[in-house]
Amino acid sequence: MNYETPGDTMGKTDKYVCPQNYLPFDSIAKSLRYATAVTMLGLKLRESPNYANIHFDDIKDLAASSLNPGDYLEKELLALIDKCKEIYHEKRKKREK
């Protein structure tokens, strides 16, 4: 990354090597999978173009797989997804005439 600080004419360079230590999604911590489900729901409700192909059932499956049975708020997310599914129907593509 190249940058200059305000009032300084000397440019600076920072380097960062990103390690490739990826893990399969199913093997990461449940809390991270749950956070992913919450984020996906928010993006779905905002109708993000990046999440146009994600369905409420996919989000619910992800949330259910990362559910901590003793946590009331995590159970509440599943109920919220069901309510969203009823309110915000999946948009179907219109046929061209």
PDB file of N, CA and C in Angstrom:
ATOM      1  N   MET A   1       0.853  -1.149   0.000  1.00  0.00           N
ATOM      2  CA  MET A   1       0.000   0.000   0.000  1.00  0.00           C
ATOM      3  C   MET A   1       0.908   1.224   0.000  1.00  0.00           C
ATOM      4  N   ASN A   2       0.670   2.101  -0.917  1.00  0.00           N
ATOM      5  CA  ASN A   2       1.415   3.354  -1.010  1.00  0.00           C
ATOM      6  C   ASN A   2       0.522   4.490  -0.538  1.00  0.00           C
ATOM      7  N   TYR A   3       1.083   5.374   0.294  1.00  0.00           N
ATOM      8  CA  TYR A   3       0.293   6.497   0.786  1.00  0.00           C
ATOM      9  C   TYR A   3       1.212   7.614   1.224  1.00  0.00           C
ATOM     10  N   GLU A   4       0.616   8.804   1.399  1.00  0.00           N
ATOM     11  CA  GLU A   4       1.320   9.963   1.942  1.00  0.00           C
ATOM     12  C   GLU A   4       0.495  10.513   3.090  1.00  0.00           C
ATOM     13  N   THR A   5       1.158  10.880   4.158  1.00  0.00           N
ATOM     14  CA  THR A   5       0.451  11.492   5.277  1.00  0.00           C
ATOM     15  C   THR A   5       0.238  12.978   4.975  1.00  0.00           C
ATOM     16  N   PRO A   6      -0.811  13.597   5.529  1.00  0.00           N
ATOM     17  CA  PRO A   6      -1.070  15.018   5.261  1.00  0.00           C
ATOM     18  C   PRO A   6       0.113  15.887   5.694  1.00  0.00           C
ATOM     19  N   GLY A   7       0.520  16.807   4.836  1.00  0.00           N
ATOM     20  CA  GLY A   7       1.608  17.711   5.148  1.00  0.00           C
ATOM     21  C   GLY A   7       2.980  17.103   4.924  1.00  0.00           C
ATOM     22  N   ASP A   8       3.066  15.890   4.445  1.00  0.00           N
ATOM     23  CA  ASP A   8       4.345  15.221   4.213  1.00  0.00           C
ATOM     24  C   ASP A   8       4.459  14.914   2.730  1.00  0.00           C
ATOM     25  N   THR A   9       5.583  15.218   2.145  1.00  0.00           N
ATOM     26  CA  THR A   9       5.761  14.973   0.711  1.00  0.00           C
ATOM     27  C   THR A   9       6.410  13.626   0.437  1.00  0.00           C
ATOM     28  N   MET A  10       6.932  12.992   1.456  1.00  0.00           N
ATOM     29  CA  MET A  10       7.559  11.675   1.283  1.00  0.00           C
ATOM     30  C   MET A  10       6.487  10.588   1.281  1.00  0.00           C
ATOM     31  N   GLY A  11       6.488   9.784   0.262  1.00  0.00           N
ATOM     32  CA  GLY A  11       5.543   8.676   0.192  1.00  0.00           C
ATOM     33  C   GLY A  11       5.998   7.524   1.082  1.00  0.00           C
ATOM     34  N   LYS A  12       5.049   6.772   1.554  1.00  0.00           N
ATOM     35  CA  LYS A  12       5.345   5.627   2.414  1.00  0.00           C
ATOM     36  C   LYS A  12       4.737   4.379   1.795  1.00  0.00           C
ATOM     37  N   THR A  13       5.350   3.262   2.091  1.00  0.00           N
ATOM     38  CA  THR A  13       4.886   1.987   1.562  1.00  0.00           C
ATOM     39  C   THR A  13       4.796   0.988   2.700  1.00  0.00           C
ATOM     40  N   ASP A  14       3.677   0.309   2.771  1.00  0.00           N
ATOM     41  CA  ASP A  14       3.493  -0.782   3.730  1.00  0.00           C
ATOM     42  C   ASP A  14       3.191  -2.047   2.946  1.00  0.00           C
ATOM     43  N   LYS A  15       3.754  -3.154   3.398  1.00  0.00           N
ATOM     44  CA  LYS A  15       3.499  -4.438   2.751  1.00  0.00           C
ATOM     45  C   LYS A  15       2.930  -5.400   3.773  1.00  0.00           C
ATOM     46  N   TYR A  16       2.019  -6.226   3.323  1.00  0.00           N
ATOM     47  CA  TYR A  16       1.430  -7.260   4.177  1.00  0.00           C
ATOM     48  C   TYR A  16       1.241  -8.512   3.329  1.00  0.00           C
ATOM     49  N   VAL A  17       1.785  -9.596   3.816  1.00  0.00           N
ATOM     50  CA  VAL A  17       1.617 -10.870   3.131  1.00  0.00           C
ATOM     51  C   VAL A  17       0.467 -11.603   3.806  1.00  0.00           C
ATOM     52  N   CYS A  18      -0.570 -11.865   3.053  1.00  0.00           N
ATOM     53  CA  CYS A  18      -1.755 -12.522   3.590  1.00  0.00           C
ATOM     54  C   CYS A  18      -1.546 -14.040   3.549  1.00  0.00           C
ATOM     55  N   PRO A  19      -1.559 -14.690   4.703  1.00  0.00           N
ATOM     56  CA  PRO A  19      -1.359 -16.146   4.705  1.00  0.00           C
ATOM     57  C   PRO A  19      -2.578 -16.866   4.130  1.00  0.00           C
ATOM     58  N   GLN A  20      -2.330 -17.949   3.465  1.00  0.00           N
ATOM     59  CA  GLN A  20      -3.418 -18.741   2.887  1.00  0.00           C
ATOM     60  C   GLN A  20      -3.738 -19.894   3.837  1.00  0.00           C
ATOM     61  N   ASN A  21      -4.362 -19.551   4.938  1.00  0.00           N
ATOM     62  CA  ASN A  21      -4.715 -20.557   5.940  1.00  0.00           C
ATOM     63  C   ASN A  21      -6.237 -20.731   6.009  1.00  0.00           C
ATOM     64  N   TYR A  22      -6.816 -20.990   4.868  1.00  0.00           N
ATOM     65  CA  TYR A  22      -8.271 -21.142   4.786  1.00  0.00           C
ATOM     66  C   TYR A  22      -8.711 -22.471   5.383  1.00  0.00           C
ATOM     67  N   LEU A  23      -9.902 -22.451   5.947  1.00  0.00           N
ATOM     68  CA  LEU A  23     -10.513 -23.658   6.508  1.00  0.00           C
ATOM     69  C   LEU A  23     -11.841 -23.898   5.813  1.00  0.00           C
ATOM     70  N   PRO A  24     -12.263 -25.145   5.717  1.00  0.00           N
ATOM     71  CA  PRO A  24     -13.612 -25.396   5.201  1.00  0.00           C
ATOM     72  C   PRO A  24     -14.645 -24.712   6.107  1.00  0.00           C
ATOM     73  N   PHE A  25     -15.717 -24.210   5.505  1.00  0.00           N
ATOM     74  CA  PHE A  25     -16.704 -23.440   6.264  1.00  0.00           C
ATOM     75  C   PHE A  25     -17.296 -24.245   7.416  1.00  0.00           C
ATOM     76  N   ASP A  26     -17.512 -25.529   7.223  1.00  0.00           N
ATOM     77  CA  ASP A  26     -18.104 -26.359   8.274  1.00  0.00           C
ATOM     78  C   ASP A  26     -17.180 -26.561   9.467  1.00  0.00           C
ATOM     79  N   SER A  27     -15.893 -26.284   9.299  1.00  0.00           N
ATOM     80  CA  SER A  27     -14.952 -26.530  10.390  1.00  0.00           C
ATOM     81  C   SER A  27     -14.639 -25.276  11.211  1.00  0.00           C
ATOM     82  N   ILE A  28     -15.168 -24.098  10.816  1.00  0.00           N
ATOM     83  CA  ILE A  28     -14.910 -22.900  11.611  1.00  0.00           C
ATOM     84  C   ILE A  28     -15.834 -22.880  12.832  1.00  0.00           C
ATOM     85  N   ALA A  29     -15.553 -22.001  13.756  1.00  0.00           N
ATOM     86  CA  ALA A  29     -16.307 -21.922  15.009  1.00  0.00           C
ATOM     87  C   ALA A  29     -17.786 -21.632  14.742  1.00  0.00           C
ATOM     88  N   LYS A  30     -18.643 -22.184  15.606  1.00  0.00           N
ATOM     89  CA  LYS A  30     -20.088 -21.985  15.453  1.00  0.00           C
ATOM     90  C   LYS A  30     -20.464 -20.514  15.537  1.00  0.00           C
ATOM     91  N   SER A  31     -19.756 -19.766  16.365  1.00  0.00           N
ATOM     92  CA  SER A  31     -20.083 -18.341  16.502  1.00  0.00           C
ATOM     93  C   SER A  31     -19.841 -17.592  15.189  1.00  0.00           C
ATOM     94  N   LEU A  32     -18.813 -17.973  14.446  1.00  0.00           N
ATOM     95  CA  LEU A  32     -18.550 -17.328  13.155  1.00  0.00           C
ATOM     96  C   LEU A  32     -19.588 -17.733  12.115  1.00  0.00           C
ATOM     97  N   ARG A  33     -20.028 -18.974  12.153  1.00  0.00           N
ATOM     98  CA  ARG A  33     -21.077 -19.408  11.228  1.00  0.00           C
ATOM     99  C   ARG A  33     -22.390 -18.692  11.556  1.00  0.00           C
ATOM    100  N   TYR A  34     -22.674 -18.518  12.843  1.00  0.00           N
ATOM    101  CA  TYR A  34     -23.879 -17.802  13.257  1.00  0.00           C
ATOM    102  C   TYR A  34     -23.811 -16.336  12.802  1.00  0.00           C
ATOM    103  N   ALA A  35     -22.659 -15.712  12.975  1.00  0.00           N
ATOM    104  CA  ALA A  35     -22.480 -14.325  12.536  1.00  0.00           C
ATOM    105  C   ALA A  35     -22.660 -14.215  11.024  1.00  0.00           C
ATOM    106  N   THR A  36     -22.240 -15.224  10.298  1.00  0.00           N
ATOM    107  CA  THR A  36     -22.431 -15.246   8.851  1.00  0.00           C
ATOM    108  C   THR A  36     -23.915 -15.293   8.508  1.00  0.00           C
ATOM    109  N   ALA A  37     -24.681 -16.098   9.247  1.00  0.00           N
ATOM    110  CA  ALA A  37     -26.129 -16.192   9.009  1.00  0.00           C
ATOM    111  C   ALA A  37     -26.807 -14.849   9.280  1.00  0.00           C
ATOM    112  N   VAL A  38     -26.410 -14.175  10.337  1.00  0.00           N
ATOM    113  CA  VAL A  38     -26.986 -12.863  10.664  1.00  0.00           C
ATOM    114  C   VAL A  38     -26.658 -11.862   9.555  1.00  0.00           C
ATOM    115  N   THR A  39     -25.419 -11.877   9.092  1.00  0.00           N
ATOM    116  CA  THR A  39     -25.003 -10.968   8.028  1.00  0.00           C
ATOM    117  C   THR A  39     -25.749 -11.259   6.732  1.00  0.00           C
ATOM    118  N   MET A  40     -25.892 -12.535   6.409  1.00  0.00           N
ATOM    119  CA  MET A  40     -26.609 -12.908   5.187  1.00  0.00           C
ATOM    120  C   MET A  40     -28.056 -12.465   5.250  1.00  0.00           C
ATOM    121  N   LEU A  41     -28.683 -12.583   6.410  1.00  0.00           N
ATOM    122  CA  LEU A  41     -30.066 -12.141   6.548  1.00  0.00           C
ATOM    123  C   LEU A  41     -30.171 -10.634   6.323  1.00  0.00           C
ATOM    124  N   GLY A  42     -29.254  -9.877   6.897  1.00  0.00           N
ATOM    125  CA  GLY A  42     -29.263  -8.432   6.706  1.00  0.00           C
ATOM    126  C   GLY A  42     -29.086  -8.046   5.240  1.00  0.00           C
ATOM    127  N   LEU A  43     -28.174  -8.718   4.557  1.00  0.00           N
ATOM    128  CA  LEU A  43     -27.950  -8.424   3.146  1.00  0.00           C
ATOM    129  C   LEU A  43     -29.141  -8.844   2.292  1.00  0.00           C
ATOM    130  N   LYS A  44     -29.788  -9.925   2.665  1.00  0.00           N
ATOM    131  CA  LYS A  44     -30.983 -10.376   1.946  1.00  0.00           C
ATOM    132  C   LYS A  44     -32.111  -9.358   2.103  1.00  0.00           C
ATOM    133  N   LEU A  45     -32.296  -8.846   3.311  1.00  0.00           N
ATOM    134  CA  LEU A  45     -33.358  -7.867   3.555  1.00  0.00           C
ATOM    135  C   LEU A  45     -33.077  -6.539   2.857  1.00  0.00           C
ATOM    136  N   ARG A  46     -31.803  -6.215   2.699  1.00  0.00           N
ATOM    137  CA  ARG A  46     -31.443  -4.980   1.991  1.00  0.00           C
ATOM    138  C   ARG A  46     -31.447  -5.178   0.481  1.00  0.00           C
ATOM    139  N   GLU A  47     -31.748  -6.399   0.052  1.00  0.00           N
ATOM    140  CA  GLU A  47     -31.789  -6.758  -1.368  1.00  0.00           C
ATOM    141  C   GLU A  47     -30.465  -6.460  -2.055  1.00  0.00           C
ATOM    142  N   SER A  48     -29.392  -6.861  -1.406  1.00  0.00           N
ATOM    143  CA  SER A  48     -28.060  -6.684  -1.966  1.00  0.00           C
ATOM    144  C   SER A  48     -27.933  -7.491  -3.256  1.00  0.00           C
ATOM    145  N   PRO A  49     -27.395  -6.885  -4.313  1.00  0.00           N
ATOM    146  CA  PRO A  49     -27.240  -7.627  -5.570  1.00  0.00           C
ATOM    147  C   PRO A  49     -26.271  -8.800  -5.441  1.00  0.00           C
ATOM    148  N   ASN A  50     -25.393  -8.760  -4.464  1.00  0.00           N
ATOM    149  CA  ASN A  50     -24.441  -9.857  -4.254  1.00  0.00           C
ATOM    150  C   ASN A  50     -25.106 -11.091  -3.665  1.00  0.00           C
ATOM    151  N   TYR A  51     -26.273 -10.930  -3.076  1.00  0.00           N
ATOM    152  CA  TYR A  51     -26.967 -12.038  -2.434  1.00  0.00           C
ATOM    153  C   TYR A  51     -28.311 -12.319  -3.088  1.00  0.00           C
ATOM    154  N   ALA A  52     -28.417 -12.048  -4.362  1.00  0.00           N
ATOM    155  CA  ALA A  52     -29.686 -12.252  -5.071  1.00  0.00           C
ATOM    156  C   ALA A  52     -30.068 -13.728  -5.151  1.00  0.00           C
ATOM    157  N   ASN A  53     -29.089 -14.617  -5.153  1.00  0.00           N
ATOM    158  CA  ASN A  53     -29.360 -16.052  -5.292  1.00  0.00           C
ATOM    159  C   ASN A  53     -29.446 -16.786  -3.959  1.00  0.00           C
ATOM    160  N   ILE A  54     -29.373 -16.072  -2.860  1.00  0.00           N
ATOM    161  CA  ILE A  54     -29.481 -16.683  -1.536  1.00  0.00           C
ATOM    162  C   ILE A  54     -30.945 -16.651  -1.120  1.00  0.00           C
ATOM    163  N   HIS A  55     -31.433 -17.767  -0.613  1.00  0.00           N
ATOM    164  CA  HIS A  55     -32.828 -17.875  -0.201  1.00  0.00           C
ATOM    165  C   HIS A  55     -32.912 -17.949   1.321  1.00  0.00           C
ATOM    166  N   PHE A  56     -34.080 -17.612   1.850  1.00  0.00           N
ATOM    167  CA  PHE A  56     -34.275 -17.638   3.298  1.00  0.00           C
ATOM    168  C   PHE A  56     -34.041 -19.036   3.864  1.00  0.00           C
ATOM    169  N   ASP A  57     -34.368 -20.058   3.093  1.00  0.00           N
ATOM    170  CA  ASP A  57     -34.138 -21.431   3.569  1.00  0.00           C
ATOM    171  C   ASP A  57     -32.648 -21.715   3.753  1.00  0.00           C
ATOM    172  N   ASP A  58     -31.817 -21.172   2.860  1.00  0.00           N
ATOM    173  CA  ASP A  58     -30.367 -21.341   2.998  1.00  0.00           C
ATOM    174  C   ASP A  58     -29.858 -20.677   4.270  1.00  0.00           C
ATOM    175  N   ILE A  59     -30.366 -19.479   4.529  1.00  0.00           N
ATOM    176  CA  ILE A  59     -29.950 -18.742   5.726  1.00  0.00           C
ATOM    177  C   ILE A  59     -30.412 -19.478   6.979  1.00  0.00           C
ATOM    178  N   LYS A  60     -31.639 -19.998   6.945  1.00  0.00           N
ATOM    179  CA  LYS A  60     -32.168 -20.715   8.103  1.00  0.00           C
ATOM    180  C   LYS A  60     -31.378 -21.997   8.361  1.00  0.00           C
ATOM    181  N   ASP A  61     -31.010 -22.718   7.308  1.00  0.00           N
ATOM    182  CA  ASP A  61     -30.200 -23.930   7.477  1.00  0.00           C
ATOM    183  C   ASP A  61     -28.854 -23.607   8.106  1.00  0.00           C
ATOM    184  N   LEU A  62     -28.241 -22.521   7.656  1.00  0.00           N
ATOM    185  CA  LEU A  62     -26.954 -22.121   8.222  1.00  0.00           C
ATOM    186  C   LEU A  62     -27.102 -21.728   9.687  1.00  0.00           C
ATOM    187  N   ALA A  63     -28.142 -20.962  10.002  1.00  0.00           N
ATOM    188  CA  ALA A  63     -28.363 -20.542  11.388  1.00  0.00           C
ATOM    189  C   ALA A  63     -28.661 -21.749  12.278  1.00  0.00           C
ATOM    190  N   ALA A  64     -29.441 -22.690  11.775  1.00  0.00           N
ATOM    191  CA  ALA A  64     -29.785 -23.878  12.567  1.00  0.00           C
ATOM    192  C   ALA A  64     -28.565 -24.757  12.806  1.00  0.00           C
ATOM    193  N   SER A  65     -27.660 -24.822  11.844  1.00  0.00           N
ATOM    194  CA  SER A  65     -26.472 -25.664  12.020  1.00  0.00           C
ATOM    195  C   SER A  65     -25.484 -25.066  13.008  1.00  0.00           C
ATOM    196  N   SER A  66     -25.573 -23.765  13.229  1.00  0.00           N
ATOM    197  CA  SER A  66     -24.649 -23.122  14.165  1.00  0.00           C
ATOM    198  C   SER A  66     -25.321 -22.737  15.476  1.00  0.00           C
ATOM    199  N   LEU A  67     -26.515 -23.233  15.692  1.00  0.00           N
ATOM    200  CA  LEU A  67     -27.317 -22.864  16.850  1.00  0.00           C
ATOM    201  C   LEU A  67     -26.748 -23.425  18.147  1.00  0.00           C
ATOM    202  N   ASN A  68     -26.693 -22.575  19.155  1.00  0.00           N
ATOM    203  CA  ASN A  68     -26.342 -22.989  20.509  1.00  0.00           C
ATOM    204  C   ASN A  68     -27.669 -23.218  21.232  1.00  0.00           C
ATOM    205  N   PRO A  69     -28.012 -24.467  21.581  1.00  0.00           N
ATOM    206  CA  PRO A  69     -29.348 -24.763  22.112  1.00  0.00           C
ATOM    207  C   PRO A  69     -29.738 -23.969  23.356  1.00  0.00           C
ATOM    208  N   GLY A  70     -28.785 -23.524  24.139  1.00  0.00           N
ATOM    209  CA  GLY A  70     -29.114 -22.806  25.361  1.00  0.00           C
ATOM    210  C   GLY A  70     -29.282 -21.310  25.186  1.00  0.00           C
ATOM    211  N   ASP A  71     -29.065 -20.800  24.003  1.00  0.00           N
ATOM    212  CA  ASP A  71     -29.101 -19.355  23.784  1.00  0.00           C
ATOM    213  C   ASP A  71     -30.454 -18.943  23.192  1.00  0.00           C
ATOM    214  N   TYR A  72     -31.196 -18.166  23.946  1.00  0.00           N
ATOM    215  CA  TYR A  72     -32.532 -17.730  23.525  1.00  0.00           C
ATOM    216  C   TYR A  72     -32.469 -16.871  22.271  1.00  0.00           C
ATOM    217  N   LEU A  73     -31.489 -15.970  22.193  1.00  0.00           N
ATOM    218  CA  LEU A  73     -31.417 -15.058  21.055  1.00  0.00           C
ATOM    219  C   LEU A  73     -31.119 -15.786  19.751  1.00  0.00           C
ATOM    220  N   GLU A  74     -30.343 -16.831  19.820  1.00  0.00           N
ATOM    221  CA  GLU A  74     -30.053 -17.600  18.615  1.00  0.00           C
ATOM    222  C   GLU A  74     -31.304 -18.342  18.141  1.00  0.00           C
ATOM    223  N   LYS A  75     -32.112 -18.816  19.072  1.00  0.00           N
ATOM    224  CA  LYS A  75     -33.389 -19.437  18.687  1.00  0.00           C
ATOM    225  C   LYS A  75     -34.331 -18.404  18.095  1.00  0.00           C
ATOM    226  N   GLU A  76     -34.261 -17.191  18.619  1.00  0.00           N
ATOM    227  CA  GLU A  76     -35.114 -16.114  18.124  1.00  0.00           C
ATOM    228  C   GLU A  76     -34.791 -15.777  16.668  1.00  0.00           C
ATOM    229  N   LEU A  77     -33.531 -15.935  16.266  1.00  0.00           N
ATOM    230  CA  LEU A  77     -33.163 -15.672  14.882  1.00  0.00           C
ATOM    231  C   LEU A  77     -33.904 -16.611  13.936  1.00  0.00           C
ATOM    232  N   LEU A  78     -34.051 -17.860  14.319  1.00  0.00           N
ATOM    233  CA  LEU A  78     -34.776 -18.809  13.472  1.00  0.00           C
ATOM    234  C   LEU A  78     -36.231 -18.375  13.288  1.00  0.00           C
ATOM    235  N   ALA A  79     -36.853 -17.902  14.372  1.00  0.00           N
ATOM    236  CA  ALA A  79     -38.232 -17.412  14.275  1.00  0.00           C
ATOM    237  C   ALA A  79     -38.300 -16.157  13.405  1.00  0.00           C
ATOM    238  N   LEU A  80     -37.290 -15.304  13.523  1.00  0.00           N
ATOM    239  CA  LEU A  80     -37.247 -14.087  12.723  1.00  0.00           C
ATOM    240  C   LEU A  80     -37.099 -14.406  11.233  1.00  0.00           C
ATOM    241  N   ILE A  81     -36.306 -15.399  10.914  1.00  0.00           N
ATOM    242  CA  ILE A  81     -36.142 -15.800   9.511  1.00  0.00           C
ATOM    243  C   ILE A  81     -37.470 -16.316   8.958  1.00  0.00           C
ATOM    244  N   ASP A  82     -38.210 -17.087   9.764  1.00  0.00           N
ATOM    245  CA  ASP A  82     -39.525 -17.569   9.322  1.00  0.00           C
ATOM    246  C   ASP A  82     -40.480 -16.411   9.052  1.00  0.00           C
ATOM    247  N   LYS A  83     -40.458 -15.399   9.933  1.00  0.00           N
ATOM    248  CA  LYS A  83     -41.324 -14.228   9.739  1.00  0.00           C
ATOM    249  C   LYS A  83     -40.926 -13.463   8.481  1.00  0.00           C
ATOM    250  N   CYS A  84     -39.625 -13.326   8.265  1.00  0.00           N
ATOM    251  CA  CYS A  84     -39.144 -12.627   7.066  1.00  0.00           C
ATOM    252  C   CYS A  84     -39.558 -13.376   5.807  1.00  0.00           C
ATOM    253  N   LYS A  85     -39.523 -14.691   5.895  1.00  0.00           N
ATOM    254  CA  LYS A  85     -39.899 -15.511   4.746  1.00  0.00           C
ATOM    255  C   LYS A  85     -41.365 -15.285   4.378  1.00  0.00           C
ATOM    256  N   GLU A  86     -42.231 -15.098   5.392  1.00  0.00           N
ATOM    257  CA  GLU A  86     -43.646 -14.843   5.139  1.00  0.00           C
ATOM    258  C   GLU A  86     -43.870 -13.429   4.599  1.00  0.00           C
ATOM    259  N   ILE A  87     -43.151 -12.464   5.147  1.00  0.00           N
ATOM    260  CA  ILE A  87     -43.361 -11.059   4.769  1.00  0.00           C
ATOM    261  C   ILE A  87     -42.728 -10.739   3.421  1.00  0.00           C
ATOM    262  N   TYR A  88     -41.481 -11.133   3.265  1.00  0.00           N
ATOM    263  CA  TYR A  88     -40.732 -10.815   2.041  1.00  0.00           C
ATOM    264  C   TYR A  88     -40.694 -12.053   1.162  1.00  0.00           C
ATOM    265  N   HIS A  89     -41.674 -12.177   0.305  1.00  0.00           N
ATOM    266  CA  HIS A  89     -41.734 -13.331  -0.588  1.00  0.00           C
ATOM    267  C   HIS A  89     -40.577 -13.278  -1.565  1.00  0.00           C
ATOM    268  N   GLU A  90     -40.121 -14.440  -1.961  1.00  0.00           N
ATOM    269  CA  GLU A  90     -39.059 -14.521  -2.960  1.00  0.00           C
ATOM    270  C   GLU A  90     -39.601 -13.928  -4.261  1.00  0.00           C
ATOM    271  N   LYS A  91     -38.822 -13.055  -4.851  1.00  0.00           N
ATOM    272  CA  LYS A  91     -39.247 -12.445  -6.103  1.00  0.00           C
ATOM    273  C   LYS A  91     -39.052 -13.429  -7.243  1.00  0.00           C
ATOM    274  N   ARG A  92     -40.055 -13.543  -8.046  1.00  0.00           N
ATOM    275  CA  ARG A  92     -39.965 -14.409  -9.214  1.00  0.00           C
ATOM    276  C   ARG A  92     -39.731 -13.545 -10.441  1.00  0.00           C
ATOM    277  N   LYS A  93     -38.938 -14.059 -11.337  1.00  0.00           N
ATOM    278  CA  LYS A  93     -38.679 -13.321 -12.567  1.00  0.00           C
ATOM    279  C   LYS A  93     -39.946 -13.294 -13.416  1.00  0.00           C
ATOM    280  N   LYS A  94     -40.213 -12.138 -13.978  1.00  0.00           N
ATOM    281  CA  LYS A  94     -41.379 -11.985 -14.837  1.00  0.00           C
ATOM    282  C   LYS A  94     -41.051 -12.536 -16.226  1.00  0.00           C
ATOM    283  N   ARG A  95     -42.055 -13.154 -16.813  1.00  0.00           N
ATOM    284  CA  ARG A  95     -41.850 -13.666 -18.167  1.00  0.00           C
ATOM    285  C   ARG A  95     -41.816 -12.514 -19.151  1.00  0.00           C
ATOM    286  N   GLU A  96     -40.950 -12.649 -20.114  1.00  0.00           N
ATOM    287  CA  GLU A  96     -40.901 -11.646 -21.163  1.00  0.00           C
ATOM    288  C   GLU A  96     -41.984 -11.938 -22.191  1.00  0.00           C
ATOM    289  N   LYS A  97     -42.600 -10.901 -22.693  1.00  0.00           N
ATOM    290  CA  LYS A  97     -43.673 -11.064 -23.673  1.00  0.00           C
ATOM    291  C   LYS A  97     -43.137 -10.935 -25.073  1.00  0.00           C
TER     292      LYS A  97
END
